[in-house]
Protein backbone atom coordinates (compact mmCIF):
# COMPACT_ATOMS: atom_id res chain seq x y z
CA MET A 1 -0.01 -0.03 0.21
CA ALA A 2 0.99 3.51 -0.68
CA THR A 3 0.11 6.60 1.15
CA ALA A 4 -1.22 9.56 -0.82
CA PHE A 5 -2.25 13.05 -0.32
CA ILE A 6 -4.97 15.18 -2.15
CA SER A 7 -6.17 18.51 -1.98
CA LEU A 8 -10.09 19.19 -2.37
CA GLY A 9 -11.62 22.55 -3.36
CA SER A 10 -14.75 23.71 -4.20
CA ASN A 11 -16.51 27.18 -4.66
CA MET A 12 -19.70 26.69 -6.64
CA GLY A 13 -22.95 25.45 -5.37
CA ASP A 14 -23.27 23.78 -1.91
CA ARG A 15 -19.25 23.80 -1.52
CA VAL A 16 -19.40 21.69 1.64
CA ALA A 17 -21.78 19.10 0.05
CA TYR A 18 -19.56 18.97 -3.08
CA LEU A 19 -16.47 18.28 -0.95
CA GLN A 20 -18.22 15.44 1.19
CA ARG A 21 -19.63 13.75 -2.06
CA ALA A 22 -15.97 13.93 -3.40
CA LEU A 23 -14.69 12.17 -0.26
CA GLN A 24 -17.76 9.48 -0.05
CA ALA A 25 -17.11 8.79 -3.62
CA LEU A 26 -13.35 8.16 -2.76
CA GLU A 27 -14.31 5.72 -0.04
CA GLU A 28 -15.69 3.67 -3.02
CA GLU A 29 -12.71 3.51 -4.50
CA PRO A 30 -9.86 0.89 -3.75
CA VAL A 31 -8.50 3.10 -1.10
CA SER A 32 -8.54 3.32 2.60
CA LEU A 33 -9.29 7.00 3.68
CA GLY A 34 -7.12 8.13 6.44
CA ALA A 35 -7.12 11.69 7.81
CA VAL A 36 -9.24 14.57 6.72
CA SER A 37 -8.06 18.21 7.30
CA PRO A 38 -10.25 21.10 8.85
CA LEU A 39 -12.34 22.99 6.17
CA TYR A 40 -10.83 26.33 5.23
CA GLU A 41 -12.23 29.11 3.69
CA THR A 42 -9.94 30.70 1.20
CA ALA A 43 -9.53 33.57 -1.45
CA PRO A 44 -9.29 32.50 -5.04
CA VAL A 45 -5.74 32.26 -6.35
CA GLY A 46 -5.29 33.03 -10.22
CA GLY A 47 -7.73 32.54 -12.94
CA PRO A 48 -10.95 34.99 -13.50
CA PRO A 49 -12.81 36.79 -10.66
CA GLN A 50 -14.81 34.20 -8.65
CA ALA A 51 -16.17 32.97 -5.20
CA ARG A 52 -14.31 31.96 -2.34
CA TYR A 53 -13.31 28.38 -2.17
CA PHE A 54 -13.71 25.78 0.44
CA ASN A 55 -10.58 23.94 0.78
CA ALA A 56 -8.98 20.73 2.75
CA CYS A 57 -6.63 18.01 2.52
CA ALA A 58 -6.95 14.02 3.08
CA SER A 59 -4.73 11.27 3.20
CA PHE A 60 -5.31 7.83 2.10
CA ASP A 61 -3.70 4.29 1.46
CA THR A 62 -4.23 2.64 -2.25
CA LEU A 63 -2.92 -0.01 -4.16
CA LEU A 64 -3.37 2.16 -7.35
CA PRO A 65 -0.48 3.17 -9.02
CA PRO A 66 -0.15 7.27 -9.31
CA THR A 67 -1.41 7.71 -12.85
CA ALA A 68 -4.33 5.22 -12.15
CA LEU A 69 -4.94 7.25 -9.08
CA LEU A 70 -5.14 10.44 -10.88
CA ARG A 71 -7.76 8.98 -13.56
CA ARG A 72 -9.71 7.89 -10.80
CA LEU A 73 -9.61 11.47 -8.90
CA GLN A 74 -10.87 12.95 -12.43
CA ALA A 75 -13.48 10.82 -12.77
CA ILE A 76 -15.14 11.66 -9.41
CA GLU A 77 -14.59 15.25 -10.32
CA THR A 78 -16.45 14.58 -13.60
CA GLY A 79 -19.16 12.76 -11.70
CA LEU A 80 -19.64 15.76 -9.24
CA GLY A 81 -20.30 18.11 -12.55
CA ARG A 82 -16.76 19.57 -12.89
CA ARG A 83 -16.30 21.30 -16.34
CA ARG A 84 -12.94 22.37 -17.26
CA LEU A 85 -13.64 25.53 -19.39
CA GLU A 86 -10.90 27.83 -18.19
CA ARG A 87 -7.72 27.57 -16.27
CA TRP A 88 -8.25 28.14 -12.48
CA GLY A 89 -11.61 28.93 -13.22
CA PRO A 90 -14.75 28.23 -11.02
CA ARG A 91 -15.42 24.75 -10.25
CA THR A 92 -17.75 22.09 -8.28
CA ILE A 93 -14.96 20.06 -7.03
CA ASP A 94 -11.08 20.16 -7.72
CA LEU A 95 -9.09 17.10 -6.37
CA ASP A 96 -5.48 17.34 -6.88
CA LEU A 97 -3.08 14.48 -6.15
CA LEU A 98 -0.45 16.30 -4.14
CA LEU A 99 2.15 13.53 -2.91
CA TYR A 100 2.16 9.90 -3.55
CA GLU A 101 4.77 8.29 -1.07
CA ASN A 102 8.19 9.66 -1.99
CA VAL A 103 7.48 9.53 -5.74
CA ILE A 104 9.07 12.18 -8.01
CA MET A 105 7.51 11.98 -11.37
CA HIS A 106 7.40 14.41 -14.24
CA THR A 107 4.97 13.44 -17.15
CA PRO A 108 3.09 15.18 -19.67
CA VAL A 109 -0.26 13.78 -17.31
CA LEU A 110 1.15 14.07 -13.85
CA GLU A 111 3.64 15.87 -11.86
CA LEU A 112 4.65 14.65 -8.45
CA PRO A 113 4.89 16.13 -5.77
CA HIS A 114 2.30 18.68 -7.32
CA PRO A 115 4.56 21.54 -8.62
CA ARG A 116 2.83 24.31 -6.81
CA LEU A 117 2.29 22.56 -3.49
CA ALA A 118 5.06 24.56 -1.76
CA GLU A 119 3.39 27.91 -2.89
CA ARG A 120 -0.10 27.51 -2.09
CA ASP A 121 -1.26 28.39 1.53
CA PHE A 122 -4.68 26.97 1.17
CA VAL A 123 -2.92 23.61 0.25
CA LEU A 124 -0.09 23.79 2.78
CA GLN A 125 -2.57 25.15 5.85
CA PRO A 126 -4.83 21.95 6.00
CA LEU A 127 -2.19 19.70 5.03
CA SER A 128 0.00 20.88 7.95
CA VAL A 129 -3.19 19.74 10.44
CA ILE A 130 -3.02 16.18 9.18
CA ALA A 131 0.72 15.88 8.44
CA PRO A 132 2.94 18.73 9.71
CA ALA A 133 6.25 16.62 9.75
CA LEU A 134 5.66 15.14 6.15
CA ARG A 135 8.62 15.85 3.98
CA ILE A 136 8.20 17.04 0.47
CA PRO A 137 10.04 14.78 -1.93
CA GLY A 138 12.53 16.75 -3.87
CA ILE A 139 12.37 19.94 -1.68
CA GLY A 140 13.32 17.96 1.46
CA LYS A 141 11.33 20.23 3.91
CA SER A 142 8.33 19.59 6.00
CA VAL A 143 4.90 20.89 5.40
CA LEU A 144 5.06 22.88 8.69
CA ARG A 145 8.43 24.34 7.86
CA LEU A 146 7.04 25.37 4.46
CA LEU A 147 4.01 27.11 5.76
CA THR A 148 5.63 28.79 8.55
CA ALA A 149 8.64 30.03 6.33
CA ARG A 150 5.83 31.86 4.12
CA SER A 151 4.04 35.12 5.23
CA PRO A 152 0.88 34.49 7.23
CA ALA A 153 -1.91 33.46 4.69
CA ALA A 154 -4.38 36.35 5.14
CA GLY A 155 -6.74 34.64 2.72
CA VAL A 156 -7.03 31.23 4.54
CA LYS A 157 -9.23 31.14 7.50
CA LEU A 158 -10.60 28.22 9.51
CA TYR A 159 -14.25 27.43 8.53
CA ARG A 160 -14.98 24.19 10.36
CA ALA A 161 -12.84 22.00 12.49
CA PHE A 162 -14.70 18.51 12.21
CA TRP A 163 -16.87 18.31 8.90
CA TYR A 164 -16.39 14.83 7.74
CA ARG A 165 -16.16 11.59 9.50
CA CYS A 166 -14.34 8.78 7.68
CA GLY A 167 -16.15 5.56 7.16
CA LYS A 168 -18.78 4.03 4.63
CA GLY A 169 -21.91 5.98 5.04
CA SER A 170 -20.45 8.91 6.95
CA GLY A 171 -21.08 12.60 5.98
């Protein structure tokens, strides 16, 4: 089994419900969902003017290889109404594969670790709650060290500490 970390985001419709439904769909995949971070409300980064996001991170164990896992995440996004109309545009759900064990991978389809992970407070903040000591492959620094080295994230604020309970039929 390999341990993977994803970020989740939504800024359209019932944002909490989309995030919950994404995690429920993930629990139907060949994975064992582990930790789920608190929920943060965040300012959009890049793209056109749009609503604020709800963001979280989750960890899980899986037997799927990285590219197959990415395809499953994209299928969940599609199933929840994600339409890719413009880069960094609004979305019902966004599932980014951040890390997969200590894999470093650069292909046209997938980069691991996620290429902008260390620059995104909306990823580092929730990830620091579930895996503060996790070292980022290729960078060699922990998630918490990366976060504390940045300026305080004014656009990232805790929305709800406990919003998802792992396990079949939870929510």
